[in-house]
Amino acid sequence: MNLSSLIKAILIASIPFQILRFLAGVTEKYLKPFEGIHSEMVENSFRSRWSLQSIVLVELLEIALPAFFFALILPFIPLSGIKAGIFFGIFVFFVGSMPQMVIIPQSIKLPVNFVIIHLFWQILKNLVVFGVIGAIYRF
């Protein structure tokens, strides 16, 4: 594993990730997927989305940690470059995000449009971020 490539991948992948995160927030504002969720939870969600603590936590959990695991398993993936990144992004989606959004609504009442919008933005973020990371590891 090349540490300089890992750091470069994390820094460069953070840019489209934050752009997509912003666009997801804009879509949530207009599509209102939070209708039916207690207003206190929604207010806290919007308020804390752009706090430094939230940004650092999201960067660690959604970019740095998966990029590290991508670097570890890259030699075992039969693909390379962007294709390997997209494959890993789809894998992370089906192992991480999809089960979470299927299980959580079973215990907490969430609107269907919230689940669909969340899944859409999560797969899009995974494809873009891991495509970028795969492209960086190719060089």
N, C-alpha and C. Protein backbone atom coordinates (compact mmCIF):
# COMPACT_ATOMS: atom_id res chain seq x y z
N MET A 1 0.86 -1.18 0.00
CA MET A 1 0.00 0.00 0.00
C MET A 1 0.90 1.23 0.00
N ASN A 2 0.63 2.13 -0.90
CA ASN A 2 1.40 3.35 -1.04
C ASN A 2 0.72 4.47 -0.24
N LEU A 3 1.38 4.95 0.80
CA LEU A 3 0.78 5.95 1.69
C LEU A 3 0.52 7.28 0.98
N SER A 4 1.42 7.68 0.10
CA SER A 4 1.21 8.95 -0.61
C SER A 4 0.01 8.88 -1.54
N SER A 5 -0.20 7.72 -2.19
CA SER A 5 -1.39 7.55 -3.04
C SER A 5 -2.65 7.56 -2.20
N LEU A 6 -2.59 6.95 -1.02
CA LEU A 6 -3.75 6.92 -0.14
C LEU A 6 -4.13 8.34 0.30
N ILE A 7 -3.16 9.12 0.72
CA ILE A 7 -3.44 10.49 1.15
C ILE A 7 -3.96 11.33 -0.01
N LYS A 8 -3.33 11.17 -1.17
CA LYS A 8 -3.78 11.91 -2.36
C LYS A 8 -5.21 11.52 -2.74
N ALA A 9 -5.51 10.23 -2.66
CA ALA A 9 -6.86 9.74 -2.99
C ALA A 9 -7.89 10.31 -2.03
N ILE A 10 -7.57 10.33 -0.75
CA ILE A 10 -8.51 10.85 0.25
C ILE A 10 -8.77 12.33 0.01
N LEU A 11 -7.69 13.09 -0.24
CA LEU A 11 -7.85 14.54 -0.43
C LEU A 11 -8.61 14.87 -1.71
N ILE A 12 -8.29 14.20 -2.79
CA ILE A 12 -8.95 14.51 -4.07
C ILE A 12 -10.40 14.00 -4.07
N ALA A 13 -10.65 12.83 -3.49
CA ALA A 13 -12.02 12.29 -3.46
C ALA A 13 -12.92 13.11 -2.54
N SER A 14 -12.34 13.85 -1.62
CA SER A 14 -13.14 14.68 -0.71
C SER A 14 -13.87 15.80 -1.44
N ILE A 15 -13.29 16.28 -2.51
CA ILE A 15 -13.89 17.41 -3.24
C ILE A 15 -15.23 17.02 -3.88
N PRO A 16 -15.27 15.98 -4.74
CA PRO A 16 -16.59 15.63 -5.30
C PRO A 16 -17.55 15.11 -4.23
N PHE A 17 -17.01 14.49 -3.18
CA PHE A 17 -17.87 13.99 -2.12
C PHE A 17 -18.59 15.14 -1.43
N GLN A 18 -17.89 16.21 -1.10
CA GLN A 18 -18.53 17.35 -0.44
C GLN A 18 -19.51 18.06 -1.38
N ILE A 19 -19.20 18.09 -2.66
CA ILE A 19 -20.13 18.68 -3.63
C ILE A 19 -21.42 17.86 -3.68
N LEU A 20 -21.28 16.54 -3.74
CA LEU A 20 -22.47 15.68 -3.77
C LEU A 20 -23.23 15.75 -2.46
N ARG A 21 -22.52 15.89 -1.37
CA ARG A 21 -23.17 16.04 -0.06
C ARG A 21 -24.00 17.33 -0.01
N PHE A 22 -23.45 18.40 -0.59
CA PHE A 22 -24.19 19.67 -0.68
C PHE A 22 -25.42 19.51 -1.55
N LEU A 23 -25.26 18.87 -2.72
CA LEU A 23 -26.39 18.67 -3.62
C LEU A 23 -27.46 17.79 -2.99
N ALA A 24 -27.05 16.81 -2.19
CA ALA A 24 -28.03 15.98 -1.48
C ALA A 24 -28.83 16.83 -0.51
N GLY A 25 -28.15 17.76 0.17
CA GLY A 25 -28.85 18.67 1.09
C GLY A 25 -29.83 19.57 0.37
N VAL A 26 -29.45 20.04 -0.82
CA VAL A 26 -30.35 20.88 -1.62
C VAL A 26 -31.58 20.08 -2.05
N THR A 27 -31.35 18.84 -2.49
CA THR A 27 -32.50 18.02 -2.89
C THR A 27 -33.42 17.74 -1.73
N GLU A 28 -32.84 17.51 -0.56
CA GLU A 28 -33.67 17.27 0.61
C GLU A 28 -34.51 18.50 0.94
N LYS A 29 -33.94 19.66 0.70
CA LYS A 29 -34.68 20.89 0.99
C LYS A 29 -35.91 21.01 0.09
N TYR A 30 -35.77 20.63 -1.19
CA TYR A 30 -36.88 20.80 -2.13
C TYR A 30 -37.83 19.60 -2.18
N LEU A 31 -37.31 18.39 -1.98
CA LEU A 31 -38.18 17.21 -2.05
C LEU A 31 -38.83 16.87 -0.71
N LYS A 32 -38.32 17.47 0.35
CA LYS A 32 -38.87 17.32 1.70
C LYS A 32 -39.08 15.86 2.11
N PRO A 33 -38.00 15.07 2.13
CA PRO A 33 -38.17 13.66 2.53
C PRO A 33 -38.38 13.48 4.03
N PHE A 34 -38.25 14.59 4.79
CA PHE A 34 -38.38 14.50 6.24
C PHE A 34 -39.81 14.66 6.73
N GLU A 35 -40.77 14.82 5.81
CA GLU A 35 -42.16 14.94 6.25
C GLU A 35 -42.57 13.65 6.94
N GLY A 36 -43.09 13.79 8.14
CA GLY A 36 -43.47 12.64 8.92
C GLY A 36 -42.45 12.29 9.99
N ILE A 37 -41.30 12.96 9.97
CA ILE A 37 -40.27 12.75 10.99
C ILE A 37 -40.38 13.89 11.98
N HIS A 38 -40.18 13.62 13.24
CA HIS A 38 -40.31 14.63 14.30
C HIS A 38 -39.45 15.85 13.96
N SER A 39 -40.02 17.04 14.08
CA SER A 39 -39.35 18.27 13.65
C SER A 39 -38.04 18.54 14.40
N GLU A 40 -37.94 18.12 15.65
CA GLU A 40 -36.70 18.33 16.41
C GLU A 40 -35.54 17.58 15.78
N MET A 41 -35.80 16.37 15.30
CA MET A 41 -34.75 15.58 14.65
C MET A 41 -34.30 16.23 13.35
N VAL A 42 -35.23 16.78 12.61
CA VAL A 42 -34.91 17.42 11.34
C VAL A 42 -34.08 18.68 11.56
N GLU A 43 -34.48 19.52 12.52
CA GLU A 43 -33.74 20.75 12.81
C GLU A 43 -32.31 20.43 13.23
N ASN A 44 -32.13 19.45 14.09
CA ASN A 44 -30.79 19.07 14.52
C ASN A 44 -29.96 18.54 13.36
N SER A 45 -30.59 17.83 12.45
CA SER A 45 -29.90 17.29 11.30
C SER A 45 -29.37 18.41 10.41
N PHE A 46 -30.20 19.39 10.09
CA PHE A 46 -29.77 20.49 9.23
C PHE A 46 -28.70 21.35 9.91
N ARG A 47 -28.85 21.56 11.19
CA ARG A 47 -27.93 22.42 11.92
C ARG A 47 -26.54 21.80 12.00
N SER A 48 -26.48 20.50 12.21
CA SER A 48 -25.19 19.86 12.43
C SER A 48 -24.52 19.36 11.15
N ARG A 49 -25.21 19.41 10.02
CA ARG A 49 -24.66 18.86 8.78
C ARG A 49 -23.34 19.52 8.38
N TRP A 50 -23.20 20.81 8.57
CA TRP A 50 -22.00 21.51 8.12
C TRP A 50 -21.11 21.95 9.27
N SER A 51 -21.27 21.35 10.43
CA SER A 51 -20.35 21.65 11.52
C SER A 51 -19.02 20.95 11.23
N LEU A 52 -17.94 21.49 11.79
CA LEU A 52 -16.62 20.92 11.56
C LEU A 52 -16.57 19.47 12.04
N GLN A 53 -17.18 19.21 13.17
CA GLN A 53 -17.20 17.84 13.71
C GLN A 53 -17.89 16.89 12.73
N SER A 54 -19.00 17.31 12.15
CA SER A 54 -19.73 16.47 11.21
C SER A 54 -18.91 16.22 9.94
N ILE A 55 -18.28 17.26 9.43
CA ILE A 55 -17.48 17.11 8.21
C ILE A 55 -16.32 16.16 8.44
N VAL A 56 -15.62 16.31 9.56
CA VAL A 56 -14.47 15.43 9.86
C VAL A 56 -14.94 13.99 10.04
N LEU A 57 -16.03 13.79 10.76
CA LEU A 57 -16.54 12.44 10.98
C LEU A 57 -16.95 11.78 9.67
N VAL A 58 -17.64 12.53 8.82
CA VAL A 58 -18.08 11.98 7.53
C VAL A 58 -16.87 11.68 6.65
N GLU A 59 -15.88 12.56 6.66
CA GLU A 59 -14.67 12.32 5.87
C GLU A 59 -13.96 11.04 6.33
N LEU A 60 -13.89 10.85 7.63
CA LEU A 60 -13.23 9.65 8.16
C LEU A 60 -14.00 8.38 7.82
N LEU A 61 -15.31 8.41 8.05
CA LEU A 61 -16.11 7.20 7.89
C LEU A 61 -16.49 6.88 6.45
N GLU A 62 -16.63 7.90 5.61
CA GLU A 62 -17.09 7.64 4.25
C GLU A 62 -16.02 7.79 3.18
N ILE A 63 -14.84 8.30 3.55
CA ILE A 63 -13.77 8.39 2.56
C ILE A 63 -12.49 7.74 3.06
N ALA A 64 -11.95 8.18 4.19
CA ALA A 64 -10.64 7.71 4.64
C ALA A 64 -10.64 6.21 4.96
N LEU A 65 -11.58 5.76 5.76
CA LEU A 65 -11.62 4.35 6.13
C LEU A 65 -11.88 3.44 4.92
N PRO A 66 -12.89 3.72 4.09
CA PRO A 66 -13.09 2.88 2.90
C PRO A 66 -11.91 2.96 1.92
N ALA A 67 -11.27 4.13 1.80
CA ALA A 67 -10.10 4.24 0.91
C ALA A 67 -8.96 3.37 1.41
N PHE A 68 -8.79 3.31 2.73
CA PHE A 68 -7.76 2.46 3.32
C PHE A 68 -8.04 0.99 3.00
N PHE A 69 -9.29 0.56 3.17
CA PHE A 69 -9.63 -0.83 2.86
C PHE A 69 -9.54 -1.11 1.37
N PHE A 70 -9.87 -0.12 0.55
CA PHE A 70 -9.72 -0.28 -0.90
C PHE A 70 -8.26 -0.51 -1.24
N ALA A 71 -7.36 0.25 -0.61
CA ALA A 71 -5.92 0.09 -0.85
C ALA A 71 -5.45 -1.30 -0.42
N LEU A 72 -6.04 -1.82 0.65
CA LEU A 72 -5.63 -3.15 1.12
C LEU A 72 -6.08 -4.27 0.18
N ILE A 73 -7.29 -4.16 -0.35
CA ILE A 73 -7.80 -5.26 -1.18
C ILE A 73 -7.57 -5.05 -2.67
N LEU A 74 -7.02 -3.91 -3.06
CA LEU A 74 -6.80 -3.63 -4.48
C LEU A 74 -6.01 -4.72 -5.20
N PRO A 75 -4.96 -5.28 -4.59
CA PRO A 75 -4.24 -6.35 -5.31
C PRO A 75 -5.09 -7.60 -5.58
N PHE A 76 -6.17 -7.78 -4.84
CA PHE A 76 -7.01 -8.97 -5.00
C PHE A 76 -8.20 -8.74 -5.92
N ILE A 77 -8.42 -7.50 -6.34
CA ILE A 77 -9.52 -7.19 -7.26
C ILE A 77 -9.02 -7.41 -8.68
N PRO A 78 -9.74 -8.19 -9.49
CA PRO A 78 -9.26 -8.47 -10.84
C PRO A 78 -9.37 -7.28 -11.79
N LEU A 79 -9.92 -6.18 -11.34
CA LEU A 79 -10.07 -4.98 -12.16
C LEU A 79 -9.02 -3.96 -11.75
N SER A 80 -8.89 -2.90 -12.52
CA SER A 80 -7.95 -1.85 -12.14
C SER A 80 -8.55 -0.48 -12.47
N GLY A 81 -7.99 0.53 -11.86
CA GLY A 81 -8.39 1.90 -12.12
C GLY A 81 -9.82 2.21 -11.69
N ILE A 82 -10.50 2.96 -12.55
CA ILE A 82 -11.86 3.40 -12.25
C ILE A 82 -12.80 2.21 -12.10
N LYS A 83 -12.60 1.16 -12.90
CA LYS A 83 -13.47 -0.02 -12.81
C LYS A 83 -13.36 -0.68 -11.44
N ALA A 84 -12.15 -0.76 -10.90
CA ALA A 84 -11.97 -1.33 -9.56
C ALA A 84 -12.65 -0.46 -8.52
N GLY A 85 -12.53 0.87 -8.67
CA GLY A 85 -13.17 1.79 -7.74
C GLY A 85 -14.68 1.68 -7.77
N ILE A 86 -15.24 1.61 -8.96
CA ILE A 86 -16.69 1.49 -9.09
C ILE A 86 -17.18 0.15 -8.54
N PHE A 87 -16.43 -0.92 -8.80
CA PHE A 87 -16.77 -2.23 -8.24
C PHE A 87 -16.78 -2.16 -6.71
N PHE A 88 -15.75 -1.55 -6.12
CA PHE A 88 -15.68 -1.44 -4.67
C PHE A 88 -16.79 -0.54 -4.13
N GLY A 89 -17.12 0.53 -4.84
CA GLY A 89 -18.21 1.42 -4.44
C GLY A 89 -19.55 0.70 -4.41
N ILE A 90 -19.80 -0.13 -5.41
CA ILE A 90 -21.04 -0.91 -5.44
C ILE A 90 -21.04 -1.93 -4.30
N PHE A 91 -19.88 -2.55 -4.08
CA PHE A 91 -19.77 -3.52 -2.98
C PHE A 91 -20.06 -2.87 -1.63
N VAL A 92 -19.46 -1.70 -1.39
CA VAL A 92 -19.68 -0.98 -0.13
C VAL A 92 -21.16 -0.60 0.01
N PHE A 93 -21.78 -0.20 -1.08
CA PHE A 93 -23.20 0.16 -1.04
C PHE A 93 -24.06 -1.03 -0.62
N PHE A 94 -23.83 -2.18 -1.27
CA PHE A 94 -24.66 -3.34 -0.97
C PHE A 94 -24.35 -3.99 0.37
N VAL A 95 -23.16 -3.78 0.89
CA VAL A 95 -22.81 -4.34 2.19
C VAL A 95 -23.11 -3.35 3.32
N GLY A 96 -22.98 -2.06 3.06
CA GLY A 96 -23.14 -1.06 4.11
C GLY A 96 -24.45 -0.32 4.09
N SER A 97 -24.69 0.46 3.06
CA SER A 97 -25.85 1.36 3.02
C SER A 97 -27.18 0.64 2.82
N MET A 98 -27.21 -0.28 1.90
CA MET A 98 -28.47 -0.96 1.58
C MET A 98 -29.04 -1.71 2.79
N PRO A 99 -28.27 -2.56 3.47
CA PRO A 99 -28.84 -3.24 4.65
C PRO A 99 -29.27 -2.27 5.74
N GLN A 100 -28.50 -1.21 5.92
CA GLN A 100 -28.83 -0.22 6.94
C GLN A 100 -30.19 0.41 6.65
N MET A 101 -30.43 0.80 5.42
CA MET A 101 -31.69 1.46 5.09
C MET A 101 -32.85 0.47 4.95
N VAL A 102 -32.57 -0.82 4.94
CA VAL A 102 -33.64 -1.81 4.97
C VAL A 102 -34.00 -2.14 6.41
N ILE A 103 -33.01 -2.19 7.29
CA ILE A 103 -33.23 -2.58 8.69
C ILE A 103 -33.77 -1.43 9.53
N ILE A 104 -33.21 -0.23 9.40
CA ILE A 104 -33.61 0.88 10.26
C ILE A 104 -35.11 1.20 10.15
N PRO A 105 -35.71 1.26 8.96
CA PRO A 105 -37.15 1.54 8.91
C PRO A 105 -38.02 0.47 9.58
N GLN A 106 -37.45 -0.69 9.86
CA GLN A 106 -38.20 -1.72 10.57
C GLN A 106 -38.39 -1.36 12.03
N SER A 107 -37.44 -0.58 12.59
CA SER A 107 -37.52 -0.23 14.01
C SER A 107 -37.92 1.23 14.23
N ILE A 108 -37.64 2.09 13.27
CA ILE A 108 -38.00 3.51 13.37
C ILE A 108 -38.87 3.83 12.16
N LYS A 109 -39.96 4.52 12.39
CA LYS A 109 -40.85 4.86 11.28
C LYS A 109 -40.20 5.97 10.45
N LEU A 110 -39.81 5.62 9.21
CA LEU A 110 -39.21 6.58 8.28
C LEU A 110 -40.04 6.62 7.00
N PRO A 111 -40.22 7.81 6.44
CA PRO A 111 -40.96 7.90 5.17
C PRO A 111 -40.21 7.19 4.04
N VAL A 112 -40.95 6.60 3.13
CA VAL A 112 -40.36 5.86 2.02
C VAL A 112 -39.51 6.77 1.15
N ASN A 113 -39.98 8.01 0.91
CA ASN A 113 -39.19 8.91 0.07
C ASN A 113 -37.86 9.27 0.72
N PHE A 114 -37.78 9.29 2.04
CA PHE A 114 -36.52 9.53 2.73
C PHE A 114 -35.54 8.38 2.43
N VAL A 115 -36.04 7.16 2.51
CA VAL A 115 -35.20 5.99 2.26
C VAL A 115 -34.71 5.98 0.81
N ILE A 116 -35.59 6.25 -0.12
CA ILE A 116 -35.23 6.23 -1.54
C ILE A 116 -34.21 7.32 -1.86
N ILE A 117 -34.44 8.54 -1.37
CA ILE A 117 -33.51 9.64 -1.63
C ILE A 117 -32.15 9.35 -1.00
N HIS A 118 -32.16 8.81 0.22
CA HIS A 118 -30.90 8.48 0.89
C HIS A 118 -30.12 7.43 0.09
N LEU A 119 -30.81 6.39 -0.35
CA LEU A 119 -30.14 5.33 -1.12
C LEU A 119 -29.60 5.86 -2.45
N PHE A 120 -30.38 6.71 -3.12
CA PHE A 120 -29.92 7.29 -4.39
C PHE A 120 -28.63 8.07 -4.20
N TRP A 121 -28.60 8.97 -3.21
CA TRP A 121 -27.40 9.79 -3.01
C TRP A 121 -26.24 8.95 -2.50
N GLN A 122 -26.52 7.91 -1.74
CA GLN A 122 -25.43 7.07 -1.24
C GLN A 122 -24.76 6.29 -2.37
N ILE A 123 -25.54 5.72 -3.28
CA ILE A 123 -24.93 4.99 -4.39
C ILE A 123 -24.19 5.95 -5.31
N LEU A 124 -24.74 7.14 -5.53
CA LEU A 124 -24.06 8.12 -6.38
C LEU A 124 -22.74 8.56 -5.74
N LYS A 125 -22.75 8.85 -4.44
CA LYS A 125 -21.51 9.23 -3.75
C LYS A 125 -20.48 8.10 -3.81
N ASN A 126 -20.93 6.87 -3.59
CA ASN A 126 -19.99 5.74 -3.62
C ASN A 126 -19.36 5.58 -5.00
N LEU A 127 -20.18 5.66 -6.05
CA LEU A 127 -19.65 5.49 -7.40
C LEU A 127 -18.65 6.58 -7.75
N VAL A 128 -18.97 7.82 -7.45
CA VAL A 128 -18.07 8.93 -7.79
C VAL A 128 -16.79 8.88 -6.95
N VAL A 129 -16.94 8.74 -5.63
CA VAL A 129 -15.78 8.77 -4.74
C VAL A 129 -14.84 7.60 -5.04
N PHE A 130 -15.37 6.40 -5.14
CA PHE A 130 -14.50 5.25 -5.37
C PHE A 130 -14.00 5.19 -6.81
N GLY A 131 -14.74 5.76 -7.75
CA GLY A 131 -14.20 5.90 -9.10
C GLY A 131 -12.99 6.80 -9.11
N VAL A 132 -13.05 7.90 -8.38
CA VAL A 132 -11.90 8.83 -8.27
C VAL A 132 -10.74 8.13 -7.56
N ILE A 133 -11.03 7.44 -6.47
CA ILE A 133 -9.97 6.75 -5.73
C ILE A 133 -9.32 5.68 -6.61
N GLY A 134 -10.13 4.93 -7.34
CA GLY A 134 -9.58 3.92 -8.26
C GLY A 134 -8.72 4.55 -9.34
N ALA A 135 -9.15 5.69 -9.88
CA ALA A 135 -8.37 6.37 -10.90
C ALA A 135 -7.03 6.85 -10.34
N ILE A 136 -7.02 7.32 -9.11
CA ILE A 136 -5.77 7.79 -8.50
C ILE A 136 -4.83 6.63 -8.25
N TYR A 137 -5.34 5.49 -7.81
CA TYR A 137 -4.49 4.34 -7.56
C TYR A 137 -3.95 3.72 -8.85
N ARG A 138 -4.55 4.03 -9.95
CA ARG A 138 -4.07 3.52 -11.23
C ARG A 138 -2.73 4.15 -11.59
N PHE A 139 -2.53 5.40 -11.19
CA PHE A 139 -1.30 6.11 -11.57
C PHE A 139 -0.25 6.02 -10.49
